[in-house]
Amino acid sequence: MSVSYNIRLDEDLKNEAFEVFKRYGISPAQAIKMFLKLTAETKTIPISLSYQANAITLEAVRELKEGKGKVYDSLEALLVDAKHEEV
């Protein structure tokens, strides 16, 4: 049994990725099937999910560890504060 699945994505991302598929001689559908098949077979996501923090993030973590910086009770409080700092 075959099913259809629709996704929304950024047009630039689509164009860049489809160009890569074209260079490999495969269709977008084939590439997505390959990804899903490998996911199902390995029971993992077959891409690197490692995260490398940038300098700003590392500095923020250091400040928090040293008791500096701001701690927020909620995301809403952070967003309100961020909005005030933009002005």
N, C-alpha and C. Protein backbone atom coordinates (compact mmCIF):
# COMPACT_ATOMS: atom_id res chain seq x y z
N MET A 1 0.84 -1.18 0.00
CA MET A 1 0.00 0.00 0.00
C MET A 1 0.89 1.24 0.00
N SER A 2 0.56 2.19 -0.81
CA SER A 2 1.31 3.43 -0.94
C SER A 2 0.47 4.59 -0.40
N VAL A 3 1.13 5.53 0.27
CA VAL A 3 0.43 6.71 0.79
C VAL A 3 1.15 7.96 0.34
N SER A 4 0.42 9.07 0.36
CA SER A 4 1.01 10.37 0.04
C SER A 4 1.19 11.15 1.32
N TYR A 5 2.21 11.99 1.34
CA TYR A 5 2.47 12.83 2.50
C TYR A 5 2.96 14.18 1.99
N ASN A 6 2.28 15.24 2.39
CA ASN A 6 2.65 16.59 1.96
C ASN A 6 3.40 17.31 3.06
N ILE A 7 4.42 18.06 2.69
CA ILE A 7 5.16 18.88 3.67
C ILE A 7 5.31 20.29 3.12
N ARG A 8 5.44 21.23 4.03
CA ARG A 8 5.73 22.61 3.65
C ARG A 8 7.19 22.88 4.01
N LEU A 9 7.90 23.55 3.11
CA LEU A 9 9.27 23.92 3.40
C LEU A 9 9.63 25.19 2.66
N ASP A 10 10.67 25.81 3.13
CA ASP A 10 11.17 27.04 2.54
C ASP A 10 11.58 26.77 1.09
N GLU A 11 11.20 27.66 0.19
CA GLU A 11 11.49 27.46 -1.23
C GLU A 11 12.98 27.40 -1.52
N ASP A 12 13.78 28.24 -0.84
CA ASP A 12 15.23 28.21 -1.06
C ASP A 12 15.81 26.87 -0.63
N LEU A 13 15.36 26.37 0.52
CA LEU A 13 15.83 25.06 1.00
C LEU A 13 15.46 23.98 -0.01
N LYS A 14 14.23 24.00 -0.48
CA LYS A 14 13.78 23.02 -1.47
C LYS A 14 14.66 23.06 -2.71
N ASN A 15 14.88 24.26 -3.23
CA ASN A 15 15.67 24.39 -4.46
C ASN A 15 17.10 23.90 -4.27
N GLU A 16 17.71 24.26 -3.16
CA GLU A 16 19.09 23.82 -2.90
C GLU A 16 19.17 22.31 -2.76
N ALA A 17 18.25 21.73 -1.99
CA ALA A 17 18.26 20.28 -1.79
C ALA A 17 17.97 19.53 -3.08
N PHE A 18 16.99 20.00 -3.85
CA PHE A 18 16.64 19.32 -5.09
C PHE A 18 17.79 19.35 -6.08
N GLU A 19 18.60 20.40 -6.05
CA GLU A 19 19.78 20.46 -6.91
C GLU A 19 20.77 19.35 -6.53
N VAL A 20 20.93 19.12 -5.24
CA VAL A 20 21.82 18.04 -4.79
C VAL A 20 21.28 16.69 -5.27
N PHE A 21 19.98 16.47 -5.10
CA PHE A 21 19.38 15.21 -5.57
C PHE A 21 19.63 15.03 -7.06
N LYS A 22 19.45 16.11 -7.81
CA LYS A 22 19.64 16.07 -9.26
C LYS A 22 21.07 15.65 -9.60
N ARG A 23 22.06 16.21 -8.87
CA ARG A 23 23.46 15.85 -9.12
C ARG A 23 23.71 14.38 -8.86
N TYR A 24 22.98 13.79 -7.91
CA TYR A 24 23.12 12.36 -7.62
C TYR A 24 22.28 11.50 -8.55
N GLY A 25 21.46 12.15 -9.36
CA GLY A 25 20.63 11.40 -10.30
C GLY A 25 19.43 10.73 -9.66
N ILE A 26 18.96 11.29 -8.56
CA ILE A 26 17.78 10.73 -7.90
C ILE A 26 16.70 11.81 -7.77
N SER A 27 15.48 11.36 -7.67
CA SER A 27 14.36 12.29 -7.51
C SER A 27 14.21 12.65 -6.03
N PRO A 28 13.53 13.76 -5.75
CA PRO A 28 13.25 14.10 -4.34
C PRO A 28 12.51 12.96 -3.63
N ALA A 29 11.57 12.33 -4.30
CA ALA A 29 10.83 11.23 -3.68
C ALA A 29 11.77 10.07 -3.32
N GLN A 30 12.72 9.77 -4.22
CA GLN A 30 13.68 8.70 -3.94
C GLN A 30 14.56 9.06 -2.74
N ALA A 31 15.00 10.31 -2.67
CA ALA A 31 15.85 10.74 -1.57
C ALA A 31 15.11 10.63 -0.24
N ILE A 32 13.86 11.06 -0.23
CA ILE A 32 13.08 10.99 1.01
C ILE A 32 12.82 9.54 1.39
N LYS A 33 12.52 8.69 0.41
CA LYS A 33 12.33 7.26 0.70
C LYS A 33 13.59 6.65 1.28
N MET A 34 14.77 7.04 0.73
CA MET A 34 16.04 6.53 1.25
C MET A 34 16.21 6.92 2.72
N PHE A 35 15.92 8.18 3.03
CA PHE A 35 16.02 8.66 4.40
C PHE A 35 15.09 7.87 5.32
N LEU A 36 13.83 7.70 4.91
CA LEU A 36 12.85 6.99 5.73
C LEU A 36 13.22 5.52 5.89
N LYS A 37 13.69 4.89 4.81
CA LYS A 37 14.09 3.48 4.88
C LYS A 37 15.24 3.28 5.86
N LEU A 38 16.25 4.14 5.78
CA LEU A 38 17.38 4.03 6.70
C LEU A 38 16.95 4.31 8.14
N THR A 39 16.05 5.25 8.33
CA THR A 39 15.52 5.52 9.67
C THR A 39 14.83 4.28 10.23
N ALA A 40 13.98 3.66 9.43
CA ALA A 40 13.25 2.48 9.87
C ALA A 40 14.20 1.31 10.14
N GLU A 41 15.19 1.12 9.28
CA GLU A 41 16.12 -0.01 9.44
C GLU A 41 17.02 0.14 10.65
N THR A 42 17.49 1.35 10.91
CA THR A 42 18.46 1.56 12.00
C THR A 42 17.82 2.02 13.30
N LYS A 43 16.55 2.38 13.24
CA LYS A 43 15.84 2.91 14.41
C LYS A 43 16.54 4.15 14.98
N THR A 44 17.19 4.88 14.09
CA THR A 44 17.86 6.14 14.46
C THR A 44 17.58 7.15 13.35
N ILE A 45 17.89 8.40 13.63
CA ILE A 45 17.82 9.42 12.59
C ILE A 45 19.20 9.46 11.93
N PRO A 46 19.28 9.15 10.65
CA PRO A 46 20.58 8.97 10.01
C PRO A 46 21.28 10.26 9.59
N ILE A 47 21.26 11.23 10.46
CA ILE A 47 21.99 12.47 10.25
C ILE A 47 22.62 12.86 11.58
N SER A 48 23.61 13.68 11.52
CA SER A 48 24.27 14.13 12.74
C SER A 48 23.38 15.14 13.46
N LEU A 49 23.10 14.86 14.72
CA LEU A 49 22.32 15.79 15.53
C LEU A 49 23.19 16.45 16.59
N SER A 50 24.49 16.36 16.39
CA SER A 50 25.39 17.00 17.34
C SER A 50 25.24 18.50 17.23
N TYR A 51 25.40 19.18 18.34
CA TYR A 51 25.21 20.62 18.39
C TYR A 51 26.49 21.27 18.87
N GLN A 52 26.95 22.24 18.14
CA GLN A 52 28.12 23.01 18.53
C GLN A 52 27.65 24.40 18.92
N ALA A 53 27.75 24.72 20.20
CA ALA A 53 27.34 26.03 20.68
C ALA A 53 28.26 27.10 20.11
N ASN A 54 27.67 28.25 19.76
CA ASN A 54 28.49 29.35 19.26
C ASN A 54 29.04 30.16 20.44
N ALA A 55 29.87 31.14 20.16
CA ALA A 55 30.53 31.93 21.20
C ALA A 55 29.53 32.65 22.09
N ILE A 56 28.45 33.15 21.53
CA ILE A 56 27.44 33.87 22.32
C ILE A 56 26.78 32.93 23.32
N THR A 57 26.44 31.72 22.87
CA THR A 57 25.81 30.74 23.76
C THR A 57 26.78 30.32 24.86
N LEU A 58 28.03 30.07 24.49
CA LEU A 58 29.03 29.67 25.49
C LEU A 58 29.23 30.76 26.54
N GLU A 59 29.24 32.01 26.12
CA GLU A 59 29.38 33.13 27.06
C GLU A 59 28.18 33.21 27.98
N ALA A 60 26.98 33.01 27.45
CA ALA A 60 25.77 33.04 28.27
C ALA A 60 25.78 31.93 29.32
N VAL A 61 26.21 30.75 28.93
CA VAL A 61 26.30 29.63 29.88
C VAL A 61 27.32 29.93 30.96
N ARG A 62 28.47 30.49 30.56
CA ARG A 62 29.50 30.84 31.55
C ARG A 62 28.97 31.86 32.55
N GLU A 63 28.26 32.87 32.06
CA GLU A 63 27.69 33.89 32.94
C GLU A 63 26.71 33.28 33.94
N LEU A 64 25.87 32.40 33.45
CA LEU A 64 24.90 31.77 34.35
C LEU A 64 25.59 30.91 35.41
N LYS A 65 26.62 30.20 35.02
CA LYS A 65 27.36 29.37 35.98
C LYS A 65 28.04 30.23 37.04
N GLU A 66 28.42 31.45 36.68
CA GLU A 66 29.06 32.37 37.62
C GLU A 66 28.04 33.19 38.40
N GLY A 67 26.77 32.91 38.21
CA GLY A 67 25.72 33.65 38.93
C GLY A 67 25.38 34.99 38.31
N LYS A 68 25.89 35.22 37.12
CA LYS A 68 25.58 36.46 36.41
C LYS A 68 24.47 36.18 35.41
N GLY A 69 24.08 37.17 34.68
CA GLY A 69 23.06 36.98 33.67
C GLY A 69 21.68 36.99 34.28
N LYS A 70 20.67 36.79 33.47
CA LYS A 70 19.29 36.82 33.91
C LYS A 70 18.69 35.43 33.85
N VAL A 71 17.86 35.13 34.82
CA VAL A 71 17.11 33.88 34.84
C VAL A 71 15.64 34.26 34.78
N TYR A 72 14.90 33.60 33.92
CA TYR A 72 13.49 33.91 33.73
C TYR A 72 12.61 32.76 34.23
N ASP A 73 11.45 33.13 34.74
CA ASP A 73 10.49 32.14 35.21
C ASP A 73 9.70 31.52 34.08
N SER A 74 9.64 32.21 32.94
CA SER A 74 8.84 31.71 31.82
C SER A 74 9.39 32.27 30.51
N LEU A 75 8.98 31.63 29.45
CA LEU A 75 9.35 32.11 28.12
C LEU A 75 8.74 33.48 27.87
N GLU A 76 7.52 33.67 28.35
CA GLU A 76 6.84 34.95 28.15
C GLU A 76 7.64 36.10 28.78
N ALA A 77 8.17 35.87 29.99
CA ALA A 77 8.95 36.90 30.67
C ALA A 77 10.21 37.23 29.87
N LEU A 78 10.85 36.22 29.33
CA LEU A 78 12.04 36.44 28.51
C LEU A 78 11.69 37.24 27.28
N LEU A 79 10.58 36.90 26.62
CA LEU A 79 10.19 37.61 25.40
C LEU A 79 9.84 39.06 25.68
N VAL A 80 9.18 39.32 26.80
CA VAL A 80 8.86 40.70 27.18
C VAL A 80 10.14 41.48 27.38
N ASP A 81 11.09 40.90 28.11
CA ASP A 81 12.37 41.56 28.37
C ASP A 81 13.14 41.78 27.06
N ALA A 82 13.15 40.79 26.20
CA ALA A 82 13.86 40.91 24.92
C ALA A 82 13.24 42.02 24.08
N LYS A 83 11.93 42.13 24.11
CA LYS A 83 11.25 43.15 23.32
C LYS A 83 11.63 44.54 23.82
N HIS A 84 11.76 44.71 25.14
CA HIS A 84 12.15 46.00 25.71
C HIS A 84 13.59 46.36 25.37
N GLU A 85 14.46 45.33 25.26
CA GLU A 85 15.86 45.59 24.94
C GLU A 85 16.07 45.97 23.49
N GLU A 86 15.12 45.60 22.61
CA GLU A 86 15.24 45.94 21.19
C GLU A 86 15.14 47.43 20.96
N VAL A 87 14.37 48.11 21.80
CA VAL A 87 14.09 49.54 21.59
C VAL A 87 15.29 50.38 21.86
